[in-house]
Amino acid sequence: MRSVYLLFLSIWMNFGWTQSSPRILNQDFEKKLQTLLSHDVPEISCEELHHTYDEFILLDTREWKEYSVSHLKNAKWVGYQSFDMGILKSLPKSAKIVCYCSVGYRSERIAKRLIASGYTNVYNLYGSIFEWINRGYLVYDTSAHEVRQVHGYNKKWSRWVSNKQFYAVY
């Protein structure tokens, strides 16, 4: 019996079946997201997206002034207040889509609308662009230049930008 246990332990260790890194680096931000989001659409972590980036179409659900400060590479701006399903009519319903905003609240709502409209592979980026930059991943301006800033939405929400290599603007 002991040898079976050791074999199982060895397999577990060799194949990386150990606990992965947390989805959110700042545990206070994690607690906020747990109360803010409904978690009723599939979620993808920033780390997971970073490793599979080219498999997805990214939709930025923030307002234009936020998107123009910085966004994820090749993300398509769709907005929130002005969101119109018609701008996605060329996307197949089976397209792999990740929606994001500042923290995930607005993108979760847009993701729900996509799912209700028949899109089958839609995800909300958990922690959204704030967690993305907190992990040190790159963002770009509308000229496709790498930048170190993000629109903080407002002073209250920008406190969740904790990576000192980035700064929030309004």
N, C-alpha and C. Protein backbone atom coordinates (compact mmCIF):
# COMPACT_ATOMS: atom_id res chain seq x y z
N MET A 1 0.82 -1.19 0.00
CA MET A 1 0.00 0.00 0.00
C MET A 1 0.86 1.26 0.00
N ARG A 2 1.95 1.21 0.75
CA ARG A 2 2.84 2.36 0.80
C ARG A 2 3.43 2.65 -0.57
N SER A 3 3.75 1.61 -1.33
CA SER A 3 4.33 1.83 -2.66
C SER A 3 3.31 2.47 -3.61
N VAL A 4 2.04 2.13 -3.49
CA VAL A 4 0.99 2.76 -4.30
C VAL A 4 0.91 4.24 -3.95
N TYR A 5 0.95 4.55 -2.67
CA TYR A 5 0.91 5.94 -2.23
C TYR A 5 2.10 6.72 -2.79
N LEU A 6 3.32 6.15 -2.72
CA LEU A 6 4.51 6.82 -3.23
C LEU A 6 4.45 7.00 -4.75
N LEU A 7 3.90 6.00 -5.45
CA LEU A 7 3.74 6.11 -6.89
C LEU A 7 2.80 7.25 -7.23
N PHE A 8 1.65 7.32 -6.55
CA PHE A 8 0.69 8.39 -6.77
C PHE A 8 1.32 9.75 -6.48
N LEU A 9 2.04 9.87 -5.39
CA LEU A 9 2.70 11.13 -5.03
C LEU A 9 3.72 11.53 -6.09
N SER A 10 4.46 10.58 -6.59
CA SER A 10 5.45 10.85 -7.63
C SER A 10 4.78 11.35 -8.91
N ILE A 11 3.70 10.71 -9.31
CA ILE A 11 2.97 11.13 -10.50
C ILE A 11 2.44 12.54 -10.30
N TRP A 12 1.85 12.80 -9.15
CA TRP A 12 1.30 14.12 -8.84
C TRP A 12 2.37 15.20 -8.97
N MET A 13 3.53 14.96 -8.40
CA MET A 13 4.62 15.95 -8.42
C MET A 13 5.16 16.14 -9.84
N ASN A 14 5.33 15.06 -10.58
CA ASN A 14 5.93 15.14 -11.92
C ASN A 14 5.03 15.81 -12.95
N PHE A 15 3.73 15.69 -12.79
CA PHE A 15 2.82 16.27 -13.77
C PHE A 15 2.27 17.61 -13.33
N GLY A 16 2.78 18.17 -12.26
CA GLY A 16 2.39 19.51 -11.86
C GLY A 16 0.98 19.62 -11.30
N TRP A 17 0.47 18.59 -10.72
CA TRP A 17 -0.87 18.64 -10.16
C TRP A 17 -0.86 19.25 -8.78
N THR A 18 -0.11 20.29 -8.64
CA THR A 18 -0.06 21.01 -7.38
C THR A 18 -0.84 22.30 -7.53
N GLN A 19 -1.07 22.97 -6.46
CA GLN A 19 -1.85 24.20 -6.49
C GLN A 19 -1.15 25.24 -7.37
N SER A 20 -1.93 25.84 -8.29
CA SER A 20 -1.36 26.86 -9.16
C SER A 20 -1.33 28.20 -8.41
N SER A 21 -0.73 29.20 -9.05
CA SER A 21 -0.67 30.51 -8.41
C SER A 21 -2.08 31.08 -8.28
N PRO A 22 -2.29 31.98 -7.34
CA PRO A 22 -3.64 32.53 -7.13
C PRO A 22 -4.10 33.30 -8.36
N ARG A 23 -5.41 33.32 -8.56
CA ARG A 23 -5.95 34.06 -9.70
C ARG A 23 -5.74 35.55 -9.53
N ILE A 24 -5.74 36.03 -8.29
CA ILE A 24 -5.55 37.45 -7.99
C ILE A 24 -4.41 37.57 -6.99
N LEU A 25 -3.45 38.43 -7.28
CA LEU A 25 -2.27 38.57 -6.42
C LEU A 25 -2.59 39.24 -5.09
N ASN A 26 -3.43 40.27 -5.11
CA ASN A 26 -3.79 41.02 -3.91
C ASN A 26 -5.07 40.40 -3.31
N GLN A 27 -4.96 39.84 -2.13
CA GLN A 27 -6.11 39.14 -1.54
C GLN A 27 -7.27 40.07 -1.18
N ASP A 28 -7.00 41.35 -0.91
CA ASP A 28 -8.09 42.30 -0.69
C ASP A 28 -8.86 42.54 -1.98
N PHE A 29 -8.14 42.60 -3.10
CA PHE A 29 -8.79 42.73 -4.41
C PHE A 29 -9.61 41.47 -4.70
N GLU A 30 -9.07 40.32 -4.36
CA GLU A 30 -9.81 39.05 -4.54
C GLU A 30 -11.13 39.08 -3.76
N LYS A 31 -11.08 39.54 -2.52
CA LYS A 31 -12.31 39.62 -1.71
C LYS A 31 -13.31 40.57 -2.35
N LYS A 32 -12.84 41.69 -2.87
CA LYS A 32 -13.72 42.65 -3.53
C LYS A 32 -14.39 42.00 -4.75
N LEU A 33 -13.61 41.28 -5.54
CA LEU A 33 -14.17 40.63 -6.73
C LEU A 33 -15.20 39.57 -6.36
N GLN A 34 -14.97 38.87 -5.26
CA GLN A 34 -15.92 37.85 -4.84
C GLN A 34 -17.29 38.45 -4.53
N THR A 35 -17.31 39.67 -4.03
CA THR A 35 -18.60 40.30 -3.71
C THR A 35 -19.16 41.09 -4.89
N LEU A 36 -18.31 41.55 -5.78
CA LEU A 36 -18.71 42.41 -6.90
C LEU A 36 -19.29 41.62 -8.07
N LEU A 37 -18.68 40.48 -8.37
CA LEU A 37 -19.06 39.70 -9.55
C LEU A 37 -20.09 38.64 -9.20
N SER A 38 -20.91 38.28 -10.18
CA SER A 38 -21.90 37.22 -9.95
C SER A 38 -21.33 35.84 -10.27
N HIS A 39 -20.23 35.77 -11.01
CA HIS A 39 -19.54 34.52 -11.36
C HIS A 39 -20.45 33.55 -12.11
N ASP A 40 -21.40 34.09 -12.88
CA ASP A 40 -22.32 33.22 -13.61
C ASP A 40 -21.98 33.11 -15.10
N VAL A 41 -20.79 33.54 -15.48
CA VAL A 41 -20.24 33.27 -16.81
C VAL A 41 -18.86 32.65 -16.60
N PRO A 42 -18.39 31.87 -17.55
CA PRO A 42 -17.05 31.29 -17.39
C PRO A 42 -16.01 32.38 -17.21
N GLU A 43 -15.03 32.11 -16.36
CA GLU A 43 -13.96 33.07 -16.10
C GLU A 43 -12.63 32.47 -16.52
N ILE A 44 -11.73 33.34 -16.94
CA ILE A 44 -10.37 32.94 -17.27
C ILE A 44 -9.45 33.86 -16.49
N SER A 45 -8.41 33.29 -15.92
CA SER A 45 -7.47 34.10 -15.16
C SER A 45 -6.51 34.81 -16.12
N CYS A 46 -5.89 35.86 -15.63
CA CYS A 46 -4.90 36.59 -16.43
C CYS A 46 -3.75 35.66 -16.81
N GLU A 47 -3.33 34.84 -15.90
CA GLU A 47 -2.24 33.92 -16.17
C GLU A 47 -2.62 32.93 -17.27
N GLU A 48 -3.84 32.38 -17.20
CA GLU A 48 -4.29 31.44 -18.23
C GLU A 48 -4.35 32.14 -19.60
N LEU A 49 -4.91 33.35 -19.62
CA LEU A 49 -5.00 34.08 -20.89
C LEU A 49 -3.61 34.39 -21.43
N HIS A 50 -2.70 34.79 -20.57
CA HIS A 50 -1.35 35.12 -21.01
C HIS A 50 -0.69 33.95 -21.73
N HIS A 51 -0.97 32.73 -21.30
CA HIS A 51 -0.36 31.54 -21.89
C HIS A 51 -1.09 31.04 -23.14
N THR A 52 -2.32 31.51 -23.37
CA THR A 52 -3.11 31.04 -24.51
C THR A 52 -3.65 32.22 -25.33
N TYR A 53 -2.99 33.34 -25.24
CA TYR A 53 -3.45 34.62 -25.78
C TYR A 53 -3.93 34.55 -27.22
N ASP A 54 -3.17 33.92 -28.08
CA ASP A 54 -3.48 33.90 -29.51
C ASP A 54 -4.71 33.07 -29.86
N GLU A 55 -5.25 32.34 -28.92
CA GLU A 55 -6.43 31.52 -29.18
C GLU A 55 -7.73 32.33 -29.09
N PHE A 56 -7.65 33.56 -28.57
CA PHE A 56 -8.86 34.31 -28.25
C PHE A 56 -8.99 35.62 -29.02
N ILE A 57 -10.22 36.04 -29.16
CA ILE A 57 -10.56 37.39 -29.59
C ILE A 57 -10.86 38.15 -28.32
N LEU A 58 -10.20 39.28 -28.12
CA LEU A 58 -10.39 40.06 -26.90
C LEU A 58 -11.29 41.24 -27.17
N LEU A 59 -12.28 41.42 -26.28
CA LEU A 59 -13.21 42.54 -26.39
C LEU A 59 -13.06 43.42 -25.16
N ASP A 60 -12.71 44.68 -25.39
CA ASP A 60 -12.57 45.66 -24.31
C ASP A 60 -13.92 46.34 -24.13
N THR A 61 -14.52 46.13 -22.96
CA THR A 61 -15.88 46.63 -22.71
C THR A 61 -15.89 47.93 -21.91
N ARG A 62 -14.74 48.60 -21.83
CA ARG A 62 -14.67 49.89 -21.16
C ARG A 62 -15.10 50.98 -22.13
N GLU A 63 -15.17 52.19 -21.62
CA GLU A 63 -15.51 53.31 -22.48
C GLU A 63 -14.28 53.70 -23.31
N TRP A 64 -14.51 54.43 -24.41
CA TRP A 64 -13.43 54.77 -25.33
C TRP A 64 -12.29 55.50 -24.63
N LYS A 65 -12.60 56.42 -23.73
CA LYS A 65 -11.53 57.18 -23.06
C LYS A 65 -10.63 56.25 -22.24
N GLU A 66 -11.16 55.16 -21.73
CA GLU A 66 -10.35 54.18 -20.99
C GLU A 66 -9.50 53.35 -21.96
N TYR A 67 -10.15 52.86 -23.00
CA TYR A 67 -9.46 52.05 -24.02
C TYR A 67 -8.31 52.82 -24.66
N SER A 68 -8.52 54.11 -24.94
CA SER A 68 -7.51 54.90 -25.64
C SER A 68 -6.25 55.14 -24.79
N VAL A 69 -6.37 55.06 -23.46
CA VAL A 69 -5.20 55.19 -22.59
C VAL A 69 -4.34 53.94 -22.72
N SER A 70 -4.97 52.78 -22.60
CA SER A 70 -4.25 51.51 -22.78
C SER A 70 -5.26 50.37 -22.85
N HIS A 71 -4.82 49.32 -23.50
CA HIS A 71 -5.65 48.12 -23.65
C HIS A 71 -4.74 46.92 -23.92
N LEU A 72 -5.31 45.73 -23.87
CA LEU A 72 -4.55 44.53 -24.19
C LEU A 72 -4.29 44.50 -25.69
N LYS A 73 -3.17 43.92 -26.06
CA LYS A 73 -2.76 43.88 -27.47
C LYS A 73 -3.85 43.25 -28.34
N ASN A 74 -4.16 43.94 -29.43
CA ASN A 74 -5.14 43.49 -30.44
C ASN A 74 -6.57 43.41 -29.92
N ALA A 75 -6.85 43.98 -28.78
CA ALA A 75 -8.22 43.97 -28.26
C ALA A 75 -9.10 44.87 -29.11
N LYS A 76 -10.31 44.43 -29.31
CA LYS A 76 -11.30 45.21 -30.07
C LYS A 76 -12.15 45.99 -29.07
N TRP A 77 -12.27 47.29 -29.27
CA TRP A 77 -13.11 48.10 -28.39
C TRP A 77 -14.57 47.90 -28.76
N VAL A 78 -15.39 47.58 -27.76
CA VAL A 78 -16.83 47.44 -27.99
C VAL A 78 -17.65 48.32 -27.06
N GLY A 79 -17.02 48.88 -26.04
CA GLY A 79 -17.71 49.77 -25.12
C GLY A 79 -18.65 49.05 -24.17
N TYR A 80 -19.26 49.84 -23.32
CA TYR A 80 -20.23 49.31 -22.36
C TYR A 80 -21.56 50.03 -22.52
N GLN A 81 -21.57 51.32 -22.25
CA GLN A 81 -22.81 52.10 -22.38
C GLN A 81 -23.32 52.06 -23.82
N SER A 82 -22.42 52.11 -24.76
CA SER A 82 -22.80 52.16 -26.18
C SER A 82 -22.71 50.79 -26.86
N PHE A 83 -22.53 49.73 -26.10
CA PHE A 83 -22.36 48.40 -26.69
C PHE A 83 -23.54 48.04 -27.60
N ASP A 84 -23.20 47.53 -28.78
CA ASP A 84 -24.20 47.13 -29.77
C ASP A 84 -23.80 45.76 -30.33
N MET A 85 -24.66 44.80 -30.19
CA MET A 85 -24.37 43.44 -30.68
C MET A 85 -24.05 43.43 -32.17
N GLY A 86 -24.55 44.39 -32.90
CA GLY A 86 -24.33 44.44 -34.35
C GLY A 86 -22.87 44.54 -34.74
N ILE A 87 -22.02 45.08 -33.88
CA ILE A 87 -20.61 45.22 -34.25
C ILE A 87 -19.89 43.87 -34.24
N LEU A 88 -20.55 42.86 -33.70
CA LEU A 88 -19.94 41.52 -33.65
C LEU A 88 -20.54 40.57 -34.68
N LYS A 89 -21.37 41.08 -35.58
CA LYS A 89 -22.08 40.20 -36.51
C LYS A 89 -21.15 39.36 -37.39
N SER A 90 -19.92 39.81 -37.60
CA SER A 90 -18.99 39.02 -38.42
C SER A 90 -18.29 37.91 -37.62
N LEU A 91 -18.44 37.91 -36.31
CA LEU A 91 -17.81 36.87 -35.49
C LEU A 91 -18.68 35.61 -35.47
N PRO A 92 -18.07 34.46 -35.76
CA PRO A 92 -18.85 33.22 -35.64
C PRO A 92 -19.27 32.98 -34.19
N LYS A 93 -20.40 32.37 -34.00
CA LYS A 93 -20.93 32.11 -32.65
C LYS A 93 -20.01 31.18 -31.86
N SER A 94 -19.13 30.46 -32.55
CA SER A 94 -18.22 29.55 -31.86
C SER A 94 -16.86 30.19 -31.55
N ALA A 95 -16.68 31.46 -31.89
CA ALA A 95 -15.40 32.13 -31.65
C ALA A 95 -15.06 32.11 -30.17
N LYS A 96 -13.78 31.97 -29.86
CA LYS A 96 -13.31 32.00 -28.47
C LYS A 96 -13.08 33.47 -28.09
N ILE A 97 -13.90 33.96 -27.17
CA ILE A 97 -13.93 35.39 -26.85
C ILE A 97 -13.63 35.59 -25.37
N VAL A 98 -12.79 36.58 -25.08
CA VAL A 98 -12.54 37.02 -23.71
C VAL A 98 -12.97 38.49 -23.62
N CYS A 99 -13.86 38.79 -22.69
CA CYS A 99 -14.28 40.15 -22.41
C CYS A 99 -13.52 40.65 -21.19
N TYR A 100 -13.16 41.93 -21.21
CA TYR A 100 -12.52 42.51 -20.03
C TYR A 100 -12.89 43.98 -19.91
N CYS A 101 -12.70 44.51 -18.71
CA CYS A 101 -12.89 45.93 -18.43
C CYS A 101 -11.82 46.32 -17.41
N SER A 102 -12.17 47.11 -16.42
CA SER A 102 -11.19 47.48 -15.39
C SER A 102 -11.00 46.37 -14.38
N VAL A 103 -12.11 45.90 -13.79
CA VAL A 103 -12.03 44.87 -12.76
C VAL A 103 -12.84 43.61 -13.09
N GLY A 104 -13.72 43.69 -14.07
CA GLY A 104 -14.50 42.52 -14.48
C GLY A 104 -16.00 42.65 -14.37
N TYR A 105 -16.48 43.73 -13.78
CA TYR A 105 -17.92 43.90 -13.59
C TYR A 105 -18.64 44.16 -14.91
N ARG A 106 -18.20 45.16 -15.65
CA ARG A 106 -18.84 45.50 -16.93
C ARG A 106 -18.66 44.38 -17.94
N SER A 107 -17.46 43.80 -17.99
CA SER A 107 -17.21 42.73 -18.95
C SER A 107 -18.05 41.49 -18.65
N GLU A 108 -18.33 41.24 -17.39
CA GLU A 108 -19.19 40.11 -17.05
C GLU A 108 -20.59 40.32 -17.61
N ARG A 109 -21.09 41.53 -17.56
CA ARG A 109 -22.41 41.83 -18.09
C ARG A 109 -22.45 41.71 -19.61
N ILE A 110 -21.41 42.18 -20.27
CA ILE A 110 -21.36 42.05 -21.73
C ILE A 110 -21.23 40.57 -22.11
N ALA A 111 -20.43 39.82 -21.37
CA ALA A 111 -20.28 38.38 -21.64
C ALA A 111 -21.64 37.67 -21.52
N LYS A 112 -22.44 38.04 -20.53
CA LYS A 112 -23.78 37.45 -20.38
C LYS A 112 -24.62 37.73 -21.62
N ARG A 113 -24.53 38.94 -22.14
CA ARG A 113 -25.30 39.29 -23.33
C ARG A 113 -24.85 38.47 -24.54
N LEU A 114 -23.54 38.27 -24.66
CA LEU A 114 -23.03 37.45 -25.76
C LEU A 114 -23.54 36.02 -25.66
N ILE A 115 -23.48 35.47 -24.47
CA ILE A 115 -23.95 34.09 -24.26
C ILE A 115 -25.44 34.00 -24.57
N ALA A 116 -26.21 34.97 -24.11
CA ALA A 116 -27.65 34.99 -24.38
C ALA A 116 -27.95 35.10 -25.87
N SER A 117 -27.01 35.67 -26.63
CA SER A 117 -27.18 35.82 -28.08
C SER A 117 -26.66 34.61 -28.85
N GLY A 118 -26.19 33.59 -28.15
CA GLY A 118 -25.79 32.35 -28.81
C GLY A 118 -24.30 32.11 -28.95
N TYR A 119 -23.47 33.02 -28.46
CA TYR A 119 -22.03 32.76 -28.48
C TYR A 119 -21.71 31.69 -27.45
N THR A 120 -20.89 30.71 -27.83
CA THR A 120 -20.71 29.52 -27.00
C THR A 120 -19.37 29.43 -26.27
N ASN A 121 -18.41 30.27 -26.61
CA ASN A 121 -17.08 30.21 -25.99
C ASN A 121 -16.68 31.58 -25.46
N VAL A 122 -17.45 32.08 -24.51
CA VAL A 122 -17.23 33.43 -23.98
C VAL A 122 -16.74 33.34 -22.54
N TYR A 123 -15.72 34.15 -22.25
CA TYR A 123 -15.12 34.18 -20.91
C TYR A 123 -15.00 35.61 -20.42
N ASN A 124 -15.05 35.77 -19.12
CA ASN A 124 -14.76 37.04 -18.48
C ASN A 124 -13.35 36.96 -17.91
N LEU A 125 -12.53 37.98 -18.18
CA LEU A 125 -11.17 38.00 -17.64
C LEU A 125 -11.23 38.39 -16.17
N TYR A 126 -10.93 37.45 -15.32
CA TYR A 126 -11.05 37.64 -13.87
C TYR A 126 -10.01 38.64 -13.37
N GLY A 127 -10.50 39.75 -12.82
CA GLY A 127 -9.62 40.83 -12.37
C GLY A 127 -9.33 41.83 -13.47
N SER A 128 -9.64 41.46 -14.69
CA SER A 128 -9.55 42.29 -15.89
C SER A 128 -8.22 43.02 -16.03
N ILE A 129 -8.24 44.22 -16.62
CA ILE A 129 -6.98 44.89 -16.97
C ILE A 129 -6.17 45.28 -15.73
N PHE A 130 -6.85 45.53 -14.59
CA PHE A 130 -6.10 45.87 -13.38
C PHE A 130 -5.22 44.70 -12.94
N GLU A 131 -5.78 43.50 -12.94
CA GLU A 131 -4.97 42.33 -12.56
C GLU A 131 -3.93 42.04 -13.63
N TRP A 132 -4.28 42.27 -14.88
CA TRP A 132 -3.35 42.06 -15.99
C TRP A 132 -2.06 42.86 -15.77
N ILE A 133 -2.21 44.15 -15.46
CA ILE A 133 -1.01 44.97 -15.25
C ILE A 133 -0.38 44.69 -13.88
N ASN A 134 -1.18 44.30 -12.90
CA ASN A 134 -0.59 43.94 -11.61
C ASN A 134 0.37 42.77 -11.76
N ARG A 135 0.13 41.93 -12.74
CA ARG A 135 1.03 40.80 -13.01
C ARG A 135 2.19 41.20 -13.91
N GLY A 136 2.20 42.45 -14.36
CA GLY A 136 3.30 42.95 -15.18
C GLY A 136 3.15 42.67 -16.66
N TYR A 137 1.97 42.25 -17.09
CA TYR A 137 1.75 41.98 -18.51
C TYR A 137 1.57 43.31 -19.25
N LEU A 138 1.87 43.30 -20.52
CA LEU A 138 1.93 44.52 -21.31
C LEU A 138 0.56 45.04 -21.74
N VAL A 139 0.50 46.37 -21.88
CA VAL A 139 -0.67 47.05 -22.44
C VAL A 139 -0.18 48.06 -23.46
N TYR A 140 -1.09 48.49 -24.34
CA TYR A 140 -0.74 49.31 -25.49
C TYR A 140 -1.71 50.47 -25.67
N ASP A 141 -1.22 51.54 -26.31
CA ASP A 141 -2.10 52.65 -26.63
C ASP A 141 -2.69 52.42 -28.02
N THR A 142 -3.45 53.39 -28.52
CA THR A 142 -4.12 53.21 -29.81
C THR A 142 -3.17 53.22 -31.00
N SER A 143 -1.91 53.61 -30.77
CA SER A 143 -0.89 53.55 -31.82
C SER A 143 -0.07 52.27 -31.74
N ALA A 144 -0.50 51.35 -30.90
CA ALA A 144 0.16 50.05 -30.70
C ALA A 144 1.52 50.18 -30.03
N HIS A 145 1.73 51.26 -29.28
CA HIS A 145 2.95 51.42 -28.51
C HIS A 145 2.73 50.91 -27.08
N GLU A 146 3.71 50.19 -26.57
CA GLU A 146 3.65 49.72 -25.19
C GLU A 146 3.63 50.94 -24.26
N VAL A 147 2.75 50.91 -23.27
CA VAL A 147 2.66 52.00 -22.29
C VAL A 147 2.63 51.43 -20.88
N ARG A 148 2.86 52.29 -19.91
CA ARG A 148 2.88 51.90 -18.50
C ARG A 148 1.77 52.60 -17.73
N GLN A 149 0.67 52.87 -18.40
CA GLN A 149 -0.44 53.53 -17.73
C GLN A 149 -1.74 52.79 -18.04
N VAL A 150 -2.69 53.02 -17.19
CA VAL A 150 -4.02 52.45 -17.37
C VAL A 150 -5.02 53.50 -16.89
N HIS A 151 -6.18 53.52 -17.50
CA HIS A 151 -7.23 54.42 -17.01
C HIS A 151 -7.76 53.79 -15.72
N GLY A 152 -7.71 54.54 -14.64
CA GLY A 152 -8.09 54.01 -13.33
C GLY A 152 -9.57 54.03 -13.02
N TYR A 153 -10.40 54.43 -13.97
CA TYR A 153 -11.84 54.58 -13.84
C TYR A 153 -12.13 55.77 -12.93
N ASN A 154 -11.75 55.68 -11.67
CA ASN A 154 -11.79 56.82 -10.75
C ASN A 154 -10.83 56.51 -9.60
N LYS A 155 -10.68 57.45 -8.69
CA LYS A 155 -9.70 57.27 -7.60
C LYS A 155 -10.02 56.05 -6.73
N LYS A 156 -11.29 55.85 -6.46
CA LYS A 156 -11.71 54.72 -5.62
C LYS A 156 -11.29 53.38 -6.23
N TRP A 157 -11.55 53.20 -7.51
CA TRP A 157 -11.26 51.93 -8.16
C TRP A 157 -9.79 51.78 -8.52
N SER A 158 -9.11 52.88 -8.77
CA SER A 158 -7.71 52.78 -9.18
C SER A 158 -6.80 52.27 -8.06
N ARG A 159 -7.30 52.23 -6.84
CA ARG A 159 -6.46 51.69 -5.75
C ARG A 159 -6.12 50.22 -5.96
N TRP A 160 -6.87 49.56 -6.84
CA TRP A 160 -6.59 48.15 -7.11
C TRP A 160 -5.45 47.97 -8.10
N VAL A 161 -4.91 49.06 -8.64
CA VAL A 161 -3.70 49.01 -9.46
C VAL A 161 -2.53 49.05 -8.49
N SER A 162 -1.89 47.91 -8.27
CA SER A 162 -0.87 47.82 -7.23
C SER A 162 0.55 47.63 -7.76
N ASN A 163 0.71 47.37 -9.05
CA ASN A 163 2.05 47.21 -9.63
C ASN A 163 2.65 48.60 -9.81
N LYS A 164 3.73 48.88 -9.10
CA LYS A 164 4.36 50.20 -9.11
C LYS A 164 5.00 50.54 -10.45
N GLN A 165 5.11 49.60 -11.37
CA GLN A 165 5.64 49.88 -12.70
C GLN A 165 4.58 50.53 -13.60
N PHE A 166 3.35 50.56 -13.12
CA PHE A 166 2.24 51.16 -13.87
C PHE A 166 1.61 52.25 -13.03
N TYR A 167 0.93 53.18 -13.68
CA TYR A 167 0.23 54.21 -12.94
C TYR A 167 -1.14 54.45 -13.57
N ALA A 168 -2.04 54.90 -12.72
CA ALA A 168 -3.41 55.15 -13.18
C ALA A 168 -3.57 56.62 -13.56
N VAL A 169 -4.31 56.84 -14.63
CA VAL A 169 -4.69 58.19 -15.05
C VAL A 169 -6.22 58.22 -15.10
N TYR A 170 -6.77 59.43 -15.16
CA TYR A 170 -8.24 59.56 -15.20
C TYR A 170 -8.69 60.42 -16.36
